[in-house]
Amino acid sequence: MTLTRHAFSALRLATLSAVMVLAACTTTPPATSSTLAAGQQATVDGSIVSVDTTPWTYDGSAVVRIAGANGEVEVHLPARWNLCKAPPPEDVQALKAGDRVQATGTVSEDGALVVCERAEHRLRRTD
């Protein structure tokens, strides 16, 4: 059977369309911190990926990265706890990768969780 030029173009177009439809049907990636809406209150459970307290030396926020159901989320711990309504977390220096924790705070514009604004905000071990 010989295809005419028109039939061949139609077949090629149909094949390309099918490939594009199949490519759009990939599995949905896990939710990330971008699924957390800025300004909302959120609680994240997971395992610590890393702890960086270096920003505290210049009055910044320490960053604890947690991997959980929301993907990887940065938890910011302000240097000046006296300005926070939340109680300071226990011994941040002792936290390490692999520790199970729960963080409750306000979602920032960049998708991080800031533990400070309310009395119920906290970062605590759950092991």
PDB file of N, CA and C in Angstrom:
ATOM      1  N   MET A   1       0.838  -1.170   0.000  1.00  0.00           N
ATOM      2  CA  MET A   1       0.000   0.000   0.000  1.00  0.00           C
ATOM      3  C   MET A   1       0.884   1.235   0.000  1.00  0.00           C
ATOM      4  N   THR A   2       0.594   2.149  -0.859  1.00  0.00           N
ATOM      5  CA  THR A   2       1.368   3.368  -0.993  1.00  0.00           C
ATOM      6  C   THR A   2       0.566   4.527  -0.419  1.00  0.00           C
ATOM      7  N   LEU A   3       1.235   5.328   0.422  1.00  0.00           N
ATOM      8  CA  LEU A   3       0.573   6.488   1.018  1.00  0.00           C
ATOM      9  C   LEU A   3       0.789   7.708   0.140  1.00  0.00           C
ATOM     10  N   THR A   4      -0.254   8.463  -0.046  1.00  0.00           N
ATOM     11  CA  THR A   4      -0.101   9.718  -0.768  1.00  0.00           C
ATOM     12  C   THR A   4       0.572  10.714   0.163  1.00  0.00           C
ATOM     13  N   ARG A   5       1.050  11.782  -0.405  1.00  0.00           N
ATOM     14  CA  ARG A   5       1.726  12.808   0.379  1.00  0.00           C
ATOM     15  C   ARG A   5       0.770  13.356   1.447  1.00  0.00           C
ATOM     16  N   HIS A   6      -0.466  13.560   1.091  1.00  0.00           N
ATOM     17  CA  HIS A   6      -1.457  14.090   2.022  1.00  0.00           C
ATOM     18  C   HIS A   6      -1.736  13.084   3.153  1.00  0.00           C
ATOM     19  N   ALA A   7      -1.879  11.821   2.820  1.00  0.00           N
ATOM     20  CA  ALA A   7      -2.141  10.788   3.822  1.00  0.00           C
ATOM     21  C   ALA A   7      -0.943  10.636   4.760  1.00  0.00           C
ATOM     22  N   PHE A   8       0.273  10.718   4.213  1.00  0.00           N
ATOM     23  CA  PHE A   8       1.473  10.607   5.025  1.00  0.00           C
ATOM     24  C   PHE A   8       1.564  11.769   6.012  1.00  0.00           C
ATOM     25  N   SER A   9       1.259  12.988   5.561  1.00  0.00           N
ATOM     26  CA  SER A   9       1.278  14.159   6.440  1.00  0.00           C
ATOM     27  C   SER A   9       0.241  14.024   7.548  1.00  0.00           C
ATOM     28  N   ALA A  10      -0.936  13.511   7.205  1.00  0.00           N
ATOM     29  CA  ALA A  10      -1.990  13.318   8.201  1.00  0.00           C
ATOM     30  C   ALA A  10      -1.561  12.282   9.231  1.00  0.00           C
ATOM     31  N   LEU A  11      -0.918  11.204   8.787  1.00  0.00           N
ATOM     32  CA  LEU A  11      -0.430  10.159   9.690  1.00  0.00           C
ATOM     33  C   LEU A  11       0.647  10.707  10.611  1.00  0.00           C
ATOM     34  N   ARG A  12       1.555  11.496  10.057  1.00  0.00           N
ATOM     35  CA  ARG A  12       2.613  12.118  10.853  1.00  0.00           C
ATOM     36  C   ARG A  12       2.033  13.057  11.902  1.00  0.00           C
ATOM     37  N   LEU A  13       1.043  13.837  11.531  1.00  0.00           N
ATOM     38  CA  LEU A  13       0.393  14.758  12.447  1.00  0.00           C
ATOM     39  C   LEU A  13      -0.317  13.999  13.570  1.00  0.00           C
ATOM     40  N   ALA A  14      -0.992  12.906  13.220  1.00  0.00           N
ATOM     41  CA  ALA A  14      -1.689  12.093  14.227  1.00  0.00           C
ATOM     42  C   ALA A  14      -0.695  11.470  15.199  1.00  0.00           C
ATOM     43  N   THR A  15       0.424  10.990  14.685  1.00  0.00           N
ATOM     44  CA  THR A  15       1.462  10.385  15.528  1.00  0.00           C
ATOM     45  C   THR A  15       2.060  11.428  16.472  1.00  0.00           C
ATOM     46  N   LEU A  16       2.371  12.599  15.941  1.00  0.00           N
ATOM     47  CA  LEU A  16       2.922  13.675  16.752  1.00  0.00           C
ATOM     48  C   LEU A  16       1.935  14.096  17.840  1.00  0.00           C
ATOM     49  N   SER A  17       0.668  14.184  17.489  1.00  0.00           N
ATOM     50  CA  SER A  17      -0.371  14.542  18.471  1.00  0.00           C
ATOM     51  C   SER A  17      -0.450  13.498  19.577  1.00  0.00           C
ATOM     52  N   ALA A  18      -0.386  12.220  19.212  1.00  0.00           N
ATOM     53  CA  ALA A  18      -0.450  11.152  20.201  1.00  0.00           C
ATOM     54  C   ALA A  18       0.744  11.208  21.148  1.00  0.00           C
ATOM     55  N   VAL A  19       1.916  11.484  20.598  1.00  0.00           N
ATOM     56  CA  VAL A  19       3.124  11.586  21.420  1.00  0.00           C
ATOM     57  C   VAL A  19       2.995  12.754  22.398  1.00  0.00           C
ATOM     58  N   MET A  20       2.463  13.871  21.934  1.00  0.00           N
ATOM     59  CA  MET A  20       2.315  15.036  22.800  1.00  0.00           C
ATOM     60  C   MET A  20       1.303  14.764  23.914  1.00  0.00           C
ATOM     61  N   VAL A  21       0.219  14.072  23.599  1.00  0.00           N
ATOM     62  CA  VAL A  21      -0.779  13.732  24.606  1.00  0.00           C
ATOM     63  C   VAL A  21      -0.178  12.793  25.646  1.00  0.00           C
ATOM     64  N   LEU A  22       0.571  11.797  25.206  1.00  0.00           N
ATOM     65  CA  LEU A  22       1.203  10.865  26.141  1.00  0.00           C
ATOM     66  C   LEU A  22       2.239  11.573  27.016  1.00  0.00           C
ATOM     67  N   ALA A  23       2.976  12.515  26.462  1.00  0.00           N
ATOM     68  CA  ALA A  23       3.974  13.246  27.235  1.00  0.00           C
ATOM     69  C   ALA A  23       3.308  14.083  28.323  1.00  0.00           C
ATOM     70  N   ALA A  24       2.128  14.574  28.061  1.00  0.00           N
ATOM     71  CA  ALA A  24       1.404  15.378  29.044  1.00  0.00           C
ATOM     72  C   ALA A  24       0.828  14.525  30.163  1.00  0.00           C
ATOM     73  N   CYS A  25       0.766  13.223  29.976  1.00  0.00           N
ATOM     74  CA  CYS A  25       0.175  12.317  30.964  1.00  0.00           C
ATOM     75  C   CYS A  25       1.226  11.686  31.862  1.00  0.00           C
ATOM     76  N   THR A  26       2.240  12.431  32.239  1.00  0.00           N
ATOM     77  CA  THR A  26       3.254  11.888  33.141  1.00  0.00           C
ATOM     78  C   THR A  26       2.714  11.886  34.555  1.00  0.00           C
ATOM     79  N   THR A  27       3.395  11.182  35.427  1.00  0.00           N
ATOM     80  CA  THR A  27       2.947  11.146  36.820  1.00  0.00           C
ATOM     81  C   THR A  27       3.173  12.505  37.464  1.00  0.00           C
ATOM     82  N   THR A  28       2.339  12.842  38.408  1.00  0.00           N
ATOM     83  CA  THR A  28       2.435  14.111  39.112  1.00  0.00           C
ATOM     84  C   THR A  28       3.566  14.034  40.121  1.00  0.00           C
ATOM     85  N   PRO A  29       4.491  15.018  40.102  1.00  0.00           N
ATOM     86  CA  PRO A  29       5.573  15.001  41.075  1.00  0.00           C
ATOM     87  C   PRO A  29       5.038  15.276  42.472  1.00  0.00           C
ATOM     88  N   PRO A  30       5.790  14.893  43.497  1.00  0.00           N
ATOM     89  CA  PRO A  30       5.327  15.158  44.854  1.00  0.00           C
ATOM     90  C   PRO A  30       5.187  16.657  45.082  1.00  0.00           C
ATOM     91  N   ALA A  31       4.290  17.004  45.996  1.00  0.00           N
ATOM     92  CA  ALA A  31       4.077  18.409  46.311  1.00  0.00           C
ATOM     93  C   ALA A  31       5.358  19.004  46.864  1.00  0.00           C
ATOM     94  N   THR A  32       5.578  20.275  46.587  1.00  0.00           N
ATOM     95  CA  THR A  32       6.752  20.964  47.097  1.00  0.00           C
ATOM     96  C   THR A  32       6.303  22.124  47.962  1.00  0.00           C
ATOM     97  N   SER A  33       7.295  22.823  48.479  1.00  0.00           N
ATOM     98  CA  SER A  33       6.957  23.966  49.315  1.00  0.00           C
ATOM     99  C   SER A  33       6.135  24.996  48.558  1.00  0.00           C
ATOM    100  N   SER A  34       6.190  24.967  47.209  1.00  0.00           N
ATOM    101  CA  SER A  34       5.417  25.934  46.435  1.00  0.00           C
ATOM    102  C   SER A  34       3.918  25.675  46.561  1.00  0.00           C
ATOM    103  N   THR A  35       3.516  24.489  47.057  1.00  0.00           N
ATOM    104  CA  THR A  35       2.091  24.230  47.238  1.00  0.00           C
ATOM    105  C   THR A  35       1.582  24.843  48.539  1.00  0.00           C
ATOM    106  N   LEU A  36       2.486  25.317  49.372  1.00  0.00           N
ATOM    107  CA  LEU A  36       2.094  26.005  50.595  1.00  0.00           C
ATOM    108  C   LEU A  36       1.830  27.468  50.228  1.00  0.00           C
ATOM    109  N   ALA A  37       0.676  27.990  50.588  1.00  0.00           N
ATOM    110  CA  ALA A  37       0.298  29.352  50.217  1.00  0.00           C
ATOM    111  C   ALA A  37       0.868  30.374  51.198  1.00  0.00           C
ATOM    112  N   ALA A  38       1.472  31.405  50.650  1.00  0.00           N
ATOM    113  CA  ALA A  38       2.052  32.471  51.468  1.00  0.00           C
ATOM    114  C   ALA A  38       1.007  33.053  52.411  1.00  0.00           C
ATOM    115  N   GLY A  39       1.407  33.242  53.665  1.00  0.00           N
ATOM    116  CA  GLY A  39       0.532  33.828  54.665  1.00  0.00           C
ATOM    117  C   GLY A  39      -0.275  32.817  55.456  1.00  0.00           C
ATOM    118  N   GLN A  40      -0.382  31.582  54.960  1.00  0.00           N
ATOM    119  CA  GLN A  40      -1.157  30.580  55.689  1.00  0.00           C
ATOM    120  C   GLN A  40      -0.342  29.980  56.810  1.00  0.00           C
ATOM    121  N   GLN A  41      -1.036  29.405  57.774  1.00  0.00           N
ATOM    122  CA  GLN A  41      -0.387  28.675  58.864  1.00  0.00           C
ATOM    123  C   GLN A  41      -0.241  27.233  58.390  1.00  0.00           C
ATOM    124  N   ALA A  42       0.896  26.621  58.659  1.00  0.00           N
ATOM    125  CA  ALA A  42       1.122  25.255  58.191  1.00  0.00           C
ATOM    126  C   ALA A  42       1.964  24.485  59.196  1.00  0.00           C
ATOM    127  N   THR A  43       1.772  23.176  59.170  1.00  0.00           N
ATOM    128  CA  THR A  43       2.589  22.266  59.969  1.00  0.00           C
ATOM    129  C   THR A  43       3.207  21.257  59.015  1.00  0.00           C
ATOM    130  N   VAL A  44       4.504  21.060  59.145  1.00  0.00           N
ATOM    131  CA  VAL A  44       5.247  20.139  58.286  1.00  0.00           C
ATOM    132  C   VAL A  44       5.941  19.114  59.163  1.00  0.00           C
ATOM    133  N   ASP A  45       5.747  17.847  58.850  1.00  0.00           N
ATOM    134  CA  ASP A  45       6.432  16.747  59.534  1.00  0.00           C
ATOM    135  C   ASP A  45       7.434  16.155  58.557  1.00  0.00           C
ATOM    136  N   GLY A  46       8.600  15.772  59.059  1.00  0.00           N
ATOM    137  CA  GLY A  46       9.567  15.137  58.179  1.00  0.00           C
ATOM    138  C   GLY A  46      10.900  14.917  58.845  1.00  0.00           C
ATOM    139  N   SER A  47      11.888  14.620  58.010  1.00  0.00           N
ATOM    140  CA  SER A  47      13.254  14.374  58.478  1.00  0.00           C
ATOM    141  C   SER A  47      14.134  15.549  58.085  1.00  0.00           C
ATOM    142  N   ILE A  48      15.023  15.902  58.976  1.00  0.00           N
ATOM    143  CA  ILE A  48      15.948  17.003  58.690  1.00  0.00           C
ATOM    144  C   ILE A  48      16.924  16.574  57.599  1.00  0.00           C
ATOM    145  N   VAL A  49      17.093  17.468  56.630  1.00  0.00           N
ATOM    146  CA  VAL A  49      18.068  17.268  55.559  1.00  0.00           C
ATOM    147  C   VAL A  49      19.358  17.999  55.928  1.00  0.00           C
ATOM    148  N   SER A  50      19.211  19.233  56.438  1.00  0.00           N
ATOM    149  CA  SER A  50      20.383  20.012  56.845  1.00  0.00           C
ATOM    150  C   SER A  50      19.984  21.082  57.846  1.00  0.00           C
ATOM    151  N   VAL A  51      20.971  21.544  58.602  1.00  0.00           N
ATOM    152  CA  VAL A  51      20.777  22.621  59.582  1.00  0.00           C
ATOM    153  C   VAL A  51      21.884  23.636  59.352  1.00  0.00           C
ATOM    154  N   ASP A  52      21.505  24.906  59.146  1.00  0.00           N
ATOM    155  CA  ASP A  52      22.489  25.969  58.945  1.00  0.00           C
ATOM    156  C   ASP A  52      22.191  27.102  59.924  1.00  0.00           C
ATOM    157  N   THR A  53      23.011  27.204  60.972  1.00  0.00           N
ATOM    158  CA  THR A  53      22.835  28.268  61.964  1.00  0.00           C
ATOM    159  C   THR A  53      23.773  29.451  61.704  1.00  0.00           C
ATOM    160  N   THR A  54      24.575  29.371  60.650  1.00  0.00           N
ATOM    161  CA  THR A  54      25.514  30.449  60.322  1.00  0.00           C
ATOM    162  C   THR A  54      24.826  31.815  60.218  1.00  0.00           C
ATOM    163  N   PRO A  55      23.626  31.928  59.611  1.00  0.00           N
ATOM    164  CA  PRO A  55      22.988  33.252  59.507  1.00  0.00           C
ATOM    165  C   PRO A  55      22.730  33.923  60.860  1.00  0.00           C
ATOM    166  N   TRP A  56      22.670  33.167  61.935  1.00  0.00           N
ATOM    167  CA  TRP A  56      22.483  33.763  63.255  1.00  0.00           C
ATOM    168  C   TRP A  56      23.639  34.691  63.601  1.00  0.00           C
ATOM    169  N   THR A  57      24.828  34.438  63.059  1.00  0.00           N
ATOM    170  CA  THR A  57      25.990  35.265  63.390  1.00  0.00           C
ATOM    171  C   THR A  57      25.849  36.677  62.849  1.00  0.00           C
ATOM    172  N   TYR A  58      25.005  36.888  61.858  1.00  0.00           N
ATOM    173  CA  TYR A  58      24.785  38.246  61.339  1.00  0.00           C
ATOM    174  C   TYR A  58      23.306  38.632  61.428  1.00  0.00           C
ATOM    175  N   ASP A  59      22.633  38.118  62.471  1.00  0.00           N
ATOM    176  CA  ASP A  59      21.249  38.478  62.786  1.00  0.00           C
ATOM    177  C   ASP A  59      20.237  37.987  61.751  1.00  0.00           C
ATOM    178  N   GLY A  60      20.587  36.952  61.016  1.00  0.00           N
ATOM    179  CA  GLY A  60      19.657  36.356  60.057  1.00  0.00           C
ATOM    180  C   GLY A  60      18.931  35.184  60.698  1.00  0.00           C
ATOM    181  N   SER A  61      18.223  34.455  59.873  1.00  0.00           N
ATOM    182  CA  SER A  61      17.476  33.284  60.365  1.00  0.00           C
ATOM    183  C   SER A  61      18.243  32.007  60.068  1.00  0.00           C
ATOM    184  N   ALA A  62      18.337  31.138  61.073  1.00  0.00           N
ATOM    185  CA  ALA A  62      18.882  29.806  60.837  1.00  0.00           C
ATOM    186  C   ALA A  62      17.913  29.085  59.891  1.00  0.00           C
ATOM    187  N   VAL A  63      18.436  28.171  59.100  1.00  0.00           N
ATOM    188  CA  VAL A  63      17.597  27.446  58.142  1.00  0.00           C
ATOM    189  C   VAL A  63      17.722  25.950  58.389  1.00  0.00           C
ATOM    190  N   VAL A  64      16.584  25.329  58.682  1.00  0.00           N
ATOM    191  CA  VAL A  64      16.521  23.877  58.849  1.00  0.00           C
ATOM    192  C   VAL A  64      15.709  23.357  57.668  1.00  0.00           C
ATOM    193  N   ARG A  65      16.325  22.532  56.828  1.00  0.00           N
ATOM    194  CA  ARG A  65      15.625  21.963  55.672  1.00  0.00           C
ATOM    195  C   ARG A  65      15.024  20.622  56.086  1.00  0.00           C
ATOM    196  N   ILE A  66      13.703  20.477  55.822  1.00  0.00           N
ATOM    197  CA  ILE A  66      12.971  19.269  56.188  1.00  0.00           C
ATOM    198  C   ILE A  66      12.408  18.622  54.939  1.00  0.00           C
ATOM    199  N   ALA A  67      12.590  17.315  54.813  1.00  0.00           N
ATOM    200  CA  ALA A  67      11.991  16.549  53.712  1.00  0.00           C
ATOM    201  C   ALA A  67      10.801  15.791  54.277  1.00  0.00           C
ATOM    202  N   GLY A  68       9.635  16.038  53.692  1.00  0.00           N
ATOM    203  CA  GLY A  68       8.412  15.378  54.154  1.00  0.00           C
ATOM    204  C   GLY A  68       7.395  15.297  53.041  1.00  0.00           C
ATOM    205  N   ALA A  69       6.126  15.215  53.403  1.00  0.00           N
ATOM    206  CA  ALA A  69       5.045  15.082  52.428  1.00  0.00           C
ATOM    207  C   ALA A  69       4.954  16.281  51.492  1.00  0.00           C
ATOM    208  N   ASN A  70       5.426  17.445  51.918  1.00  0.00           N
ATOM    209  CA  ASN A  70       5.387  18.641  51.089  1.00  0.00           C
ATOM    210  C   ASN A  70       6.676  18.816  50.293  1.00  0.00           C
ATOM    211  N   GLY A  71       7.431  17.758  50.137  1.00  0.00           N
ATOM    212  CA  GLY A  71       8.729  17.874  49.481  1.00  0.00           C
ATOM    213  C   GLY A  71       9.716  18.439  50.490  1.00  0.00           C
ATOM    214  N   GLU A  72      10.702  19.192  50.008  1.00  0.00           N
ATOM    215  CA  GLU A  72      11.672  19.812  50.908  1.00  0.00           C
ATOM    216  C   GLU A  72      11.203  21.214  51.252  1.00  0.00           C
ATOM    217  N   VAL A  73      11.172  21.525  52.531  1.00  0.00           N
ATOM    218  CA  VAL A  73      10.716  22.821  53.003  1.00  0.00           C
ATOM    219  C   VAL A  73      11.794  23.421  53.899  1.00  0.00           C
ATOM    220  N   GLU A  74      12.063  24.707  53.692  1.00  0.00           N
ATOM    221  CA  GLU A  74      12.986  25.420  54.575  1.00  0.00           C
ATOM    222  C   GLU A  74      12.198  25.952  55.764  1.00  0.00           C
ATOM    223  N   VAL A  75      12.736  25.729  56.956  1.00  0.00           N
ATOM    224  CA  VAL A  75      12.145  26.270  58.173  1.00  0.00           C
ATOM    225  C   VAL A  75      13.111  27.336  58.678  1.00  0.00           C
ATOM    226  N   HIS A  76      12.612  28.569  58.804  1.00  0.00           N
ATOM    227  CA  HIS A  76      13.447  29.681  59.241  1.00  0.00           C
ATOM    228  C   HIS A  76      13.237  29.940  60.730  1.00  0.00           C
ATOM    229  N   LEU A  77      14.352  30.013  61.449  1.00  0.00           N
ATOM    230  CA  LEU A  77      14.354  30.273  62.887  1.00  0.00           C
ATOM    231  C   LEU A  77      15.061  31.608  63.111  1.00  0.00           C
ATOM    232  N   PRO A  78      14.315  32.672  63.433  1.00  0.00           N
ATOM    233  CA  PRO A  78      14.917  33.999  63.596  1.00  0.00           C
ATOM    234  C   PRO A  78      15.979  34.039  64.688  1.00  0.00           C
ATOM    235  N   ALA A  79      16.940  34.931  64.507  1.00  0.00           N
ATOM    236  CA  ALA A  79      18.018  35.092  65.495  1.00  0.00           C
ATOM    237  C   ALA A  79      17.506  35.754  66.771  1.00  0.00           C
ATOM    238  N   ARG A  80      16.545  36.619  66.654  1.00  0.00           N
ATOM    239  CA  ARG A  80      16.060  37.370  67.818  1.00  0.00           C
ATOM    240  C   ARG A  80      14.758  36.794  68.349  1.00  0.00           C
ATOM    241  N   TRP A  81      14.882  35.751  69.164  1.00  0.00           N
ATOM    242  CA  TRP A  81      13.691  35.108  69.724  1.00  0.00           C
ATOM    243  C   TRP A  81      12.925  36.012  70.674  1.00  0.00           C
ATOM    244  N   ASN A  82      13.608  37.017  71.236  1.00  0.00           N
ATOM    245  CA  ASN A  82      12.915  37.940  72.139  1.00  0.00           C
ATOM    246  C   ASN A  82      11.844  38.752  71.398  1.00  0.00           C
ATOM    247  N   LEU A  83      11.898  38.783  70.071  1.00  0.00           N
ATOM    248  CA  LEU A  83      10.894  39.483  69.271  1.00  0.00           C
ATOM    249  C   LEU A  83       9.788  38.545  68.784  1.00  0.00           C
ATOM    250  N   CYS A  84       9.896  37.265  69.104  1.00  0.00           N
ATOM    251  CA  CYS A  84       8.919  36.264  68.660  1.00  0.00           C
ATOM    252  C   CYS A  84       7.919  35.950  69.764  1.00  0.00           C
ATOM    253  N   LYS A  85       6.725  35.564  69.339  1.00  0.00           N
ATOM    254  CA  LYS A  85       5.724  35.082  70.287  1.00  0.00           C
ATOM    255  C   LYS A  85       5.918  33.588  70.555  1.00  0.00           C
ATOM    256  N   ALA A  86       6.580  32.900  69.646  1.00  0.00           N
ATOM    257  CA  ALA A  86       6.827  31.461  69.780  1.00  0.00           C
ATOM    258  C   ALA A  86       7.973  31.215  70.750  1.00  0.00           C
ATOM    259  N   PRO A  87       7.915  30.096  71.464  1.00  0.00           N
ATOM    260  CA  PRO A  87       9.041  29.753  72.331  1.00  0.00           C
ATOM    261  C   PRO A  87      10.232  29.321  71.475  1.00  0.00           C
ATOM    262  N   PRO A  88      11.455  29.600  71.923  1.00  0.00           N
ATOM    263  CA  PRO A  88      12.618  29.164  71.141  1.00  0.00           C
ATOM    264  C   PRO A  88      12.703  27.642  71.097  1.00  0.00           C
ATOM    265  N   PRO A  89      13.170  27.104  69.989  1.00  0.00           N
ATOM    266  CA  PRO A  89      13.310  25.639  69.918  1.00  0.00           C
ATOM    267  C   PRO A  89      14.415  25.173  70.861  1.00  0.00           C
ATOM    268  N   GLU A  90      14.281  23.939  71.295  1.00  0.00           N
ATOM    269  CA  GLU A  90      15.283  23.366  72.189  1.00  0.00           C
ATOM    270  C   GLU A  90      16.541  22.998  71.410  1.00  0.00           C
ATOM    271  N   ASP A  91      17.666  23.427  71.870  1.00  0.00           N
ATOM    272  CA  ASP A  91      18.996  23.054  71.392  1.00  0.00           C
ATOM    273  C   ASP A  91      19.092  22.815  69.880  1.00  0.00           C
ATOM    274  N   VAL A  92      18.961  23.887  69.123  1.00  0.00           N
ATOM    275  CA  VAL A  92      19.048  23.802  67.658  1.00  0.00           C
ATOM    276  C   VAL A  92      20.399  23.232  67.231  1.00  0.00           C
ATOM    277  N   GLN A  93      21.446  23.552  67.983  1.00  0.00           N
ATOM    278  CA  GLN A  93      22.793  23.063  67.641  1.00  0.00           C
ATOM    279  C   GLN A  93      22.871  21.533  67.661  1.00  0.00           C
ATOM    280  N   ALA A  94      21.992  20.887  68.423  1.00  0.00           N
ATOM    281  CA  ALA A  94      22.005  19.423  68.522  1.00  0.00           C
ATOM    282  C   ALA A  94      21.228  18.748  67.390  1.00  0.00           C
ATOM    283  N   LEU A  95      20.444  19.515  66.626  1.00  0.00           N
ATOM    284  CA  LEU A  95      19.689  18.920  65.514  1.00  0.00           C
ATOM    285  C   LEU A  95      20.646  18.474  64.427  1.00  0.00           C
ATOM    286  N   LYS A  96      20.324  17.341  63.811  1.00  0.00           N
ATOM    287  CA  LYS A  96      21.198  16.817  62.755  1.00  0.00           C
ATOM    288  C   LYS A  96      20.366  16.140  61.672  1.00  0.00           C
ATOM    289  N   ALA A  97      20.993  15.946  60.523  1.00  0.00           N
ATOM    290  CA  ALA A  97      20.328  15.279  59.401  1.00  0.00           C
ATOM    291  C   ALA A  97      19.793  13.926  59.851  1.00  0.00           C
ATOM    292  N   GLY A  98      18.557  13.649  59.459  1.00  0.00           N
ATOM    293  CA  GLY A  98      17.923  12.382  59.797  1.00  0.00           C
ATOM    294  C   GLY A  98      16.969  12.475  60.982  1.00  0.00           C
ATOM    295  N   ASP A  99      17.138  13.493  61.848  1.00  0.00           N
ATOM    296  CA  ASP A  99      16.220  13.661  62.977  1.00  0.00           C
ATOM    297  C   ASP A  99      14.807  13.907  62.450  1.00  0.00           C
ATOM    298  N   ARG A 100      13.818  13.285  63.081  1.00  0.00           N
ATOM    299  CA  ARG A 100      12.409  13.514  62.740  1.00  0.00           C
ATOM    300  C   ARG A 100      11.924  14.716  63.525  1.00  0.00           C
ATOM    301  N   VAL A 101      11.286  15.665  62.827  1.00  0.00           N
ATOM    302  CA  VAL A 101      10.811  16.887  63.475  1.00  0.00           C
ATOM    303  C   VAL A 101       9.437  17.280  62.946  1.00  0.00           C
ATOM    304  N   GLN A 102       8.831  18.200  63.672  1.00  0.00           N
ATOM    305  CA  GLN A 102       7.584  18.825  63.237  1.00  0.00           C
ATOM    306  C   GLN A 102       7.775  20.331  63.389  1.00  0.00           C
ATOM    307  N   ALA A 103       7.424  21.069  62.343  1.00  0.00           N
ATOM    308  CA  ALA A 103       7.530  22.522  62.381  1.00  0.00           C
ATOM    309  C   ALA A 103       6.169  23.134  62.100  1.00  0.00           C
ATOM    310  N   THR A 104       5.800  24.127  62.887  1.00  0.00           N
ATOM    311  CA  THR A 104       4.553  24.862  62.691  1.00  0.00           C
ATOM    312  C   THR A 104       4.915  26.332  62.599  1.00  0.00           C
ATOM    313  N   GLY A 105       4.415  26.991  61.554  1.00  0.00           N
ATOM    314  CA  GLY A 105       4.721  28.402  61.382  1.00  0.00           C
ATOM    315  C   GLY A 105       3.895  29.031  60.283  1.00  0.00           C
ATOM    316  N   THR A 106       4.315  30.229  59.877  1.00  0.00           N
ATOM    317  CA  THR A 106       3.658  30.974  58.812  1.00  0.00           C
ATOM    318  C   THR A 106       4.450  30.790  57.534  1.00  0.00           C
ATOM    319  N   VAL A 107       3.756  30.510  56.431  1.00  0.00           N
ATOM    320  CA  VAL A 107       4.414  30.327  55.139  1.00  0.00           C
ATOM    321  C   VAL A 107       4.800  31.703  54.586  1.00  0.00           C
ATOM    322  N   SER A 108       6.058  31.850  54.218  1.00  0.00           N
ATOM    323  CA  SER A 108       6.550  33.114  53.667  1.00  0.00           C
ATOM    324  C   SER A 108       6.305  33.162  52.158  1.00  0.00           C
ATOM    325  N   GLU A 109       6.602  34.299  51.565  1.00  0.00           N
ATOM    326  CA  GLU A 109       6.407  34.482  50.119  1.00  0.00           C
ATOM    327  C   GLU A 109       7.218  33.485  49.296  1.00  0.00           C
ATOM    328  N   ASP A 110       8.385  33.088  49.794  1.00  0.00           N
ATOM    329  CA  ASP A 110       9.228  32.154  49.045  1.00  0.00           C
ATOM    330  C   ASP A 110       8.964  30.693  49.390  1.00  0.00           C
ATOM    331  N   GLY A 111       7.869  30.421  50.135  1.00  0.00           N
ATOM    332  CA  GLY A 111       7.488  29.046  50.427  1.00  0.00           C
ATOM    333  C   GLY A 111       8.141  28.446  51.651  1.00  0.00           C
ATOM    334  N   ALA A 112       8.921  29.250  52.371  1.00  0.00           N
ATOM    335  CA  ALA A 112       9.553  28.762  53.605  1.00  0.00           C
ATOM    336  C   ALA A 112       8.550  28.856  54.747  1.00  0.00           C
ATOM    337  N   LEU A 113       8.847  28.171  55.815  1.00  0.00           N
ATOM    338  CA  LEU A 113       8.011  28.189  57.012  1.00  0.00           C
ATOM    339  C   LEU A 113       8.767  28.973  58.083  1.00  0.00           C
ATOM    340  N   VAL A 114       8.168  30.067  58.557  1.00  0.00           N
ATOM    341  CA  VAL A 114       8.823  30.908  59.558  1.00  0.00           C
ATOM    342  C   VAL A 114       8.204  30.624  60.918  1.00  0.00           C
ATOM    343  N   VAL A 115       9.048  30.174  61.840  1.00  0.00           N
ATOM    344  CA  VAL A 115       8.611  29.805  63.189  1.00  0.00           C
ATOM    345  C   VAL A 115       8.889  30.996  64.104  1.00  0.00           C
ATOM    346  N   CYS A 116       7.836  31.815  64.391  1.00  0.00           N
ATOM    347  CA  CYS A 116       8.059  32.991  65.235  1.00  0.00           C
ATOM    348  C   CYS A 116       6.785  33.718  65.621  1.00  0.00           C
ATOM    349  N   GLU A 117       5.907  33.952  64.680  1.00  0.00           N
ATOM    350  CA  GLU A 117       4.808  34.900  64.770  1.00  0.00           C
ATOM    351  C   GLU A 117       3.737  34.609  65.825  1.00  0.00           C
ATOM    352  N   ARG A 118       3.467  33.351  66.103  1.00  0.00           N
ATOM    353  CA  ARG A 118       2.390  32.979  67.035  1.00  0.00           C
ATOM    354  C   ARG A 118       2.926  32.089  68.158  1.00  0.00           C
ATOM    355  N   ALA A 119       2.221  32.099  69.267  1.00  0.00           N
ATOM    356  CA  ALA A 119       2.636  31.300  70.429  1.00  0.00           C
ATOM    357  C   ALA A 119       2.655  29.807  70.117  1.00  0.00           C
ATOM    358  N   GLU A 120       1.806  29.346  69.206  1.00  0.00           N
ATOM    359  CA  GLU A 120       1.758  27.909  68.877  1.00  0.00           C
ATOM    360  C   GLU A 120       2.801  27.490  67.845  1.00  0.00           C
ATOM    361  N   HIS A 121       3.565  28.436  67.305  1.00  0.00           N
ATOM    362  CA  HIS A 121       4.629  28.087  66.359  1.00  0.00           C
ATOM    363  C   HIS A 121       5.759  27.378  67.097  1.00  0.00           C
ATOM    364  N   ARG A 122       6.336  26.384  66.413  1.00  0.00           N
ATOM    365  CA  ARG A 122       7.443  25.666  67.042  1.00  0.00           C
ATOM    366  C   ARG A 122       8.147  24.739  66.060  1.00  0.00           C
ATOM    367  N   LEU A 123       9.338  24.373  66.451  1.00  0.00           N
ATOM    368  CA  LEU A 123      10.092  23.316  65.791  1.00  0.00           C
ATOM    369  C   LEU A 123      10.452  22.362  66.904  1.00  0.00           C
ATOM    370  N   ARG A 124       9.997  21.104  66.768  1.00  0.00           N
ATOM    371  CA  ARG A 124      10.255  20.138  67.830  1.00  0.00           C
ATOM    372  C   ARG A 124      10.592  18.785  67.242  1.00  0.00           C
ATOM    373  N   ARG A 125      11.403  18.053  67.977  1.00  0.00           N
ATOM    374  CA  ARG A 125      11.709  16.669  67.587  1.00  0.00           C
ATOM    375  C   ARG A 125      10.482  15.794  67.820  1.00  0.00           C
ATOM    376  N   THR A 126      10.319  14.792  66.953  1.00  0.00           N
ATOM    377  CA  THR A 126       9.212  13.858  67.124  1.00  0.00           C
ATOM    378  C   THR A 126       9.699  12.434  67.304  1.00  0.00           C
ATOM    379  N   ASP A 127      11.020  12.238  67.397  1.00  0.00           N
ATOM    380  CA  ASP A 127      11.591  10.885  67.588  1.00  0.00           C
ATOM    381  C   ASP A 127      11.153  10.323  68.916  1.00  0.00           C
TER     382      ASP A 127
END
